[in-house]
Structures are given as C-alpha cells and as structure tokens.
C-alpha cells in the first residue's frame, strides 16, 4: 500500500510540473484579472442572454483558457485510460 501511495505522490508532483497544467493556471490567472470579462460572465449566468455568451467567446483570454482546459481534459482522459489498462491487467475479483 505504501508503494501505491508513493506512486500517487510521484504522479501528483509530476502533474504539478506538467506544462499543460502550468499553462492552464497561467491562463486562469489572466482571465481572473479581467474584471470586464468576469462581469460579462456573471451577467450571462444571471440572464442567459446570447449577446453575453458571444462577448465571452470572443475574448482572447477566455478562448486561450478554454484551449488550455481542453488540453488538460485530454491529459485526464489519457491518465484514465492508463489506469483502466492497469486495472484490467490486475485481474478480476469476481
């Protein structure tokens, strides 16, 4: 069990240094600094008006953030696939 915990800790450290994760954090920070964008997002959440959604989707920082988020989601899918492969190699309990 200790070996598993050590491997998980190594994985966490590796992910903390992963370029995709670091880029996502930078993009998120940039988005959070744009007060006008945040206000537009809030207005969209409150009203669901298409005009706000269009304004949000045209924002360069937001588009960059969504791109980085997609890259991280792909990384998560890769990790899940590897974990599934490991689990399937381990045999079945039933």
N, C-alpha and C. Protein backbone atom coordinates (compact mmCIF):
# COMPACT_ATOMS: atom_id res chain seq x y z
N UNK A 1 0.83 -1.19 0.00
CA UNK A 1 0.00 0.00 0.00
C UNK A 1 0.87 1.26 0.00
N UNK A 2 1.98 1.21 0.74
CA UNK A 2 2.89 2.36 0.75
C UNK A 2 3.44 2.65 -0.63
N UNK A 3 3.71 1.58 -1.38
CA UNK A 3 4.24 1.76 -2.74
C UNK A 3 3.21 2.49 -3.61
N UNK A 4 1.96 2.14 -3.47
CA UNK A 4 0.90 2.79 -4.23
C UNK A 4 0.80 4.27 -3.86
N UNK A 5 0.87 4.55 -2.58
CA UNK A 5 0.81 5.94 -2.12
C UNK A 5 2.00 6.75 -2.63
N UNK A 6 3.17 6.12 -2.64
CA UNK A 6 4.36 6.79 -3.17
C UNK A 6 4.21 7.08 -4.66
N UNK A 7 3.68 6.11 -5.39
CA UNK A 7 3.47 6.30 -6.84
C UNK A 7 2.45 7.41 -7.09
N UNK A 8 1.40 7.47 -6.30
CA UNK A 8 0.41 8.53 -6.44
C UNK A 8 1.02 9.90 -6.13
N UNK A 9 1.86 9.94 -5.13
CA UNK A 9 2.53 11.20 -4.79
C UNK A 9 3.46 11.64 -5.92
N UNK A 10 4.15 10.69 -6.53
CA UNK A 10 5.01 11.00 -7.67
C UNK A 10 4.18 11.53 -8.84
N UNK A 11 3.03 10.92 -9.05
CA UNK A 11 2.14 11.37 -10.12
C UNK A 11 1.67 12.80 -9.87
N UNK A 12 1.29 13.09 -8.65
CA UNK A 12 0.85 14.45 -8.30
C UNK A 12 1.96 15.47 -8.53
N UNK A 13 3.17 15.13 -8.11
CA UNK A 13 4.30 16.03 -8.32
C UNK A 13 4.57 16.24 -9.81
N UNK A 14 4.49 15.16 -10.56
CA UNK A 14 4.70 15.23 -11.99
C UNK A 14 3.65 16.12 -12.65
N UNK A 15 2.42 15.98 -12.23
CA UNK A 15 1.35 16.81 -12.80
C UNK A 15 1.51 18.28 -12.42
N UNK A 16 1.99 18.53 -11.21
CA UNK A 16 2.22 19.91 -10.79
C UNK A 16 3.25 20.61 -11.68
N UNK A 17 4.15 19.84 -12.26
CA UNK A 17 5.19 20.41 -13.12
C UNK A 17 4.87 20.29 -14.60
N UNK A 18 3.76 19.65 -14.92
CA UNK A 18 3.38 19.45 -16.32
C UNK A 18 3.08 20.79 -16.99
N UNK A 19 3.62 20.97 -18.16
CA UNK A 19 3.47 22.23 -18.89
C UNK A 19 2.00 22.57 -19.15
N UNK A 20 1.19 21.55 -19.43
CA UNK A 20 -0.23 21.80 -19.69
C UNK A 20 -0.95 22.34 -18.46
N UNK A 21 -0.61 21.81 -17.31
CA UNK A 21 -1.22 22.28 -16.05
C UNK A 21 -0.75 23.69 -15.75
N UNK A 22 0.54 23.92 -15.88
CA UNK A 22 1.10 25.25 -15.61
C UNK A 22 0.50 26.30 -16.56
N UNK A 23 0.34 25.93 -17.83
CA UNK A 23 -0.26 26.85 -18.79
C UNK A 23 -1.72 27.16 -18.46
N UNK A 24 -2.44 26.14 -18.00
CA UNK A 24 -3.84 26.35 -17.61
C UNK A 24 -3.92 27.31 -16.42
N UNK A 25 -3.05 27.13 -15.45
CA UNK A 25 -3.05 28.02 -14.28
C UNK A 25 -2.75 29.46 -14.68
N UNK A 26 -1.80 29.64 -15.60
CA UNK A 26 -1.48 31.00 -16.08
C UNK A 26 -2.67 31.61 -16.81
N UNK A 27 -3.30 30.82 -17.66
CA UNK A 27 -4.45 31.31 -18.42
C UNK A 27 -5.61 31.65 -17.48
N UNK A 28 -5.81 30.83 -16.47
CA UNK A 28 -6.87 31.10 -15.49
C UNK A 28 -6.60 32.40 -14.73
N UNK A 29 -5.35 32.58 -14.35
CA UNK A 29 -4.99 33.80 -13.63
C UNK A 29 -5.26 35.03 -14.49
N UNK A 30 -4.93 34.93 -15.77
CA UNK A 30 -5.15 36.05 -16.69
C UNK A 30 -6.65 36.35 -16.82
N UNK A 31 -7.46 35.32 -16.95
CA UNK A 31 -8.92 35.51 -17.04
C UNK A 31 -9.45 36.17 -15.77
N UNK A 32 -8.97 35.71 -14.63
CA UNK A 32 -9.47 36.24 -13.35
C UNK A 32 -9.06 37.70 -13.12
N UNK A 33 -8.09 38.19 -13.87
CA UNK A 33 -7.66 39.58 -13.75
C UNK A 33 -8.49 40.52 -14.63
N UNK A 34 -9.27 39.95 -15.53
CA UNK A 34 -10.07 40.77 -16.44
C UNK A 34 -11.46 41.02 -15.84
N UNK A 35 -11.59 42.15 -15.17
CA UNK A 35 -12.82 42.47 -14.47
C UNK A 35 -14.02 42.54 -15.41
N UNK A 36 -13.82 43.14 -16.59
CA UNK A 36 -14.94 43.26 -17.53
C UNK A 36 -15.43 41.89 -17.99
N UNK A 37 -14.49 40.98 -18.25
CA UNK A 37 -14.86 39.63 -18.64
C UNK A 37 -15.63 38.93 -17.53
N UNK A 38 -15.15 39.07 -16.30
CA UNK A 38 -15.83 38.44 -15.17
C UNK A 38 -17.24 38.99 -14.99
N UNK A 39 -17.40 40.28 -15.20
CA UNK A 39 -18.73 40.88 -15.11
C UNK A 39 -19.64 40.34 -16.21
N UNK A 40 -19.10 40.18 -17.40
CA UNK A 40 -19.88 39.64 -18.51
C UNK A 40 -20.29 38.20 -18.23
N UNK A 41 -19.39 37.42 -17.67
CA UNK A 41 -19.70 36.04 -17.31
C UNK A 41 -20.82 36.00 -16.28
N UNK A 42 -20.75 36.88 -15.29
CA UNK A 42 -21.80 36.94 -14.27
C UNK A 42 -23.13 37.33 -14.89
N UNK A 43 -23.11 38.32 -15.78
CA UNK A 43 -24.35 38.74 -16.45
C UNK A 43 -24.94 37.58 -17.26
N UNK A 44 -24.06 36.83 -17.92
CA UNK A 44 -24.55 35.69 -18.70
C UNK A 44 -25.18 34.64 -17.79
N UNK A 45 -24.53 34.36 -16.67
CA UNK A 45 -25.07 33.37 -15.73
C UNK A 45 -26.43 33.81 -15.20
N UNK A 46 -26.57 35.13 -14.96
CA UNK A 46 -27.82 35.65 -14.41
C UNK A 46 -28.95 35.72 -15.44
N UNK A 47 -28.60 36.03 -16.70
CA UNK A 47 -29.64 36.29 -17.69
C UNK A 47 -29.73 35.25 -18.80
N UNK A 48 -28.65 34.53 -19.04
CA UNK A 48 -28.57 33.55 -20.12
C UNK A 48 -28.76 34.18 -21.51
N UNK A 49 -28.42 35.45 -21.63
CA UNK A 49 -28.57 36.15 -22.90
C UNK A 49 -27.42 35.79 -23.85
N UNK A 50 -27.79 35.53 -25.09
CA UNK A 50 -26.83 35.11 -26.10
C UNK A 50 -25.76 36.18 -26.36
N UNK A 51 -26.13 37.44 -26.25
CA UNK A 51 -25.16 38.52 -26.51
C UNK A 51 -23.97 38.45 -25.55
N UNK A 52 -24.22 38.07 -24.30
CA UNK A 52 -23.13 37.96 -23.34
C UNK A 52 -22.24 36.76 -23.67
N UNK A 53 -22.88 35.67 -24.07
CA UNK A 53 -22.12 34.48 -24.43
C UNK A 53 -21.21 34.77 -25.63
N UNK A 54 -21.72 35.50 -26.59
CA UNK A 54 -20.90 35.87 -27.76
C UNK A 54 -19.72 36.74 -27.35
N UNK A 55 -19.99 37.67 -26.45
CA UNK A 55 -18.92 38.56 -25.98
C UNK A 55 -17.84 37.76 -25.24
N UNK A 56 -18.28 36.81 -24.44
CA UNK A 56 -17.34 35.96 -23.70
C UNK A 56 -16.50 35.14 -24.67
N UNK A 57 -17.17 34.53 -25.64
CA UNK A 57 -16.46 33.64 -26.57
C UNK A 57 -15.52 34.39 -27.50
N UNK A 58 -15.70 35.68 -27.64
CA UNK A 58 -14.80 36.49 -28.47
C UNK A 58 -13.57 36.97 -27.70
N UNK A 59 -13.60 36.82 -26.40
CA UNK A 59 -12.49 37.28 -25.57
C UNK A 59 -11.28 36.36 -25.76
N UNK A 60 -10.17 36.93 -26.12
CA UNK A 60 -8.95 36.16 -26.40
C UNK A 60 -8.47 35.38 -25.18
N UNK A 61 -8.49 36.00 -24.02
CA UNK A 61 -8.03 35.32 -22.81
C UNK A 61 -8.91 34.14 -22.47
N UNK A 62 -10.20 34.32 -22.65
CA UNK A 62 -11.14 33.24 -22.35
C UNK A 62 -10.94 32.08 -23.34
N UNK A 63 -10.78 32.39 -24.62
CA UNK A 63 -10.55 31.35 -25.62
C UNK A 63 -9.26 30.59 -25.32
N UNK A 64 -8.21 31.33 -24.93
CA UNK A 64 -6.95 30.69 -24.58
C UNK A 64 -7.13 29.77 -23.37
N UNK A 65 -7.87 30.26 -22.38
CA UNK A 65 -8.14 29.44 -21.19
C UNK A 65 -8.87 28.15 -21.58
N UNK A 66 -9.89 28.27 -22.42
CA UNK A 66 -10.66 27.09 -22.83
C UNK A 66 -9.79 26.10 -23.61
N UNK A 67 -8.87 26.62 -24.41
CA UNK A 67 -7.94 25.75 -25.14
C UNK A 67 -7.06 24.98 -24.17
N UNK A 68 -6.52 25.69 -23.18
CA UNK A 68 -5.66 25.04 -22.18
C UNK A 68 -6.47 24.04 -21.35
N UNK A 69 -7.70 24.39 -21.06
CA UNK A 69 -8.57 23.48 -20.31
C UNK A 69 -8.80 22.19 -21.10
N UNK A 70 -9.02 22.32 -22.39
CA UNK A 70 -9.20 21.15 -23.24
C UNK A 70 -7.96 20.27 -23.23
N UNK A 71 -6.79 20.89 -23.29
CA UNK A 71 -5.54 20.12 -23.24
C UNK A 71 -5.44 19.33 -21.94
N UNK A 72 -5.84 19.94 -20.84
CA UNK A 72 -5.79 19.26 -19.55
C UNK A 72 -6.84 18.15 -19.48
N UNK A 73 -7.99 18.38 -20.09
CA UNK A 73 -9.02 17.33 -20.12
C UNK A 73 -8.53 16.13 -20.92
N UNK A 74 -7.80 16.38 -21.99
CA UNK A 74 -7.21 15.28 -22.76
C UNK A 74 -6.18 14.52 -21.93
N UNK A 75 -5.41 15.25 -21.14
CA UNK A 75 -4.44 14.63 -20.24
C UNK A 75 -5.17 13.72 -19.23
N UNK A 76 -6.27 14.21 -18.69
CA UNK A 76 -7.07 13.42 -17.75
C UNK A 76 -7.58 12.15 -18.42
N UNK A 77 -8.04 12.28 -19.65
CA UNK A 77 -8.51 11.10 -20.38
C UNK A 77 -7.39 10.10 -20.59
N UNK A 78 -6.19 10.58 -20.90
CA UNK A 78 -5.04 9.70 -21.07
C UNK A 78 -4.73 8.95 -19.77
N UNK A 79 -4.75 9.69 -18.67
CA UNK A 79 -4.47 9.08 -17.37
C UNK A 79 -5.53 8.03 -17.04
N UNK A 80 -6.78 8.38 -17.27
CA UNK A 80 -7.87 7.42 -17.01
C UNK A 80 -7.72 6.16 -17.85
N UNK A 81 -7.33 6.33 -19.10
CA UNK A 81 -7.13 5.17 -19.97
C UNK A 81 -6.01 4.28 -19.44
N UNK A 82 -4.92 4.90 -19.01
CA UNK A 82 -3.80 4.12 -18.46
C UNK A 82 -4.22 3.39 -17.18
N UNK A 83 -4.98 4.08 -16.33
CA UNK A 83 -5.45 3.44 -15.10
C UNK A 83 -6.39 2.28 -15.40
N UNK A 84 -7.20 2.44 -16.41
CA UNK A 84 -8.10 1.36 -16.82
C UNK A 84 -7.31 0.16 -17.31
N UNK A 85 -6.25 0.43 -18.09
CA UNK A 85 -5.39 -0.65 -18.57
C UNK A 85 -4.73 -1.38 -17.40
N UNK A 86 -4.24 -0.61 -16.45
CA UNK A 86 -3.60 -1.21 -15.27
C UNK A 86 -4.60 -2.05 -14.50
N UNK A 87 -5.79 -1.52 -14.32
CA UNK A 87 -6.84 -2.24 -13.59
C UNK A 87 -7.20 -3.54 -14.30
N UNK A 88 -7.34 -3.48 -15.62
CA UNK A 88 -7.71 -4.66 -16.38
C UNK A 88 -6.61 -5.72 -16.35
N UNK A 89 -5.35 -5.30 -16.28
CA UNK A 89 -4.24 -6.27 -16.19
C UNK A 89 -4.20 -6.93 -14.83
N UNK A 90 -4.76 -6.25 -13.83
CA UNK A 90 -4.72 -6.78 -12.46
C UNK A 90 -5.62 -7.95 -12.22
N UNK A 91 -6.50 -8.23 -13.13
CA UNK A 91 -7.42 -9.36 -12.96
C UNK A 91 -8.72 -8.92 -12.36
N UNK A 92 -9.65 -9.84 -12.35
CA UNK A 92 -10.98 -9.58 -11.81
C UNK A 92 -11.13 -10.23 -10.43
N UNK A 93 -11.86 -9.57 -9.58
CA UNK A 93 -12.11 -10.09 -8.23
C UNK A 93 -13.34 -10.99 -8.22
N UNK A 94 -14.18 -10.91 -9.23
CA UNK A 94 -15.41 -11.71 -9.21
C UNK A 94 -15.29 -12.98 -10.00
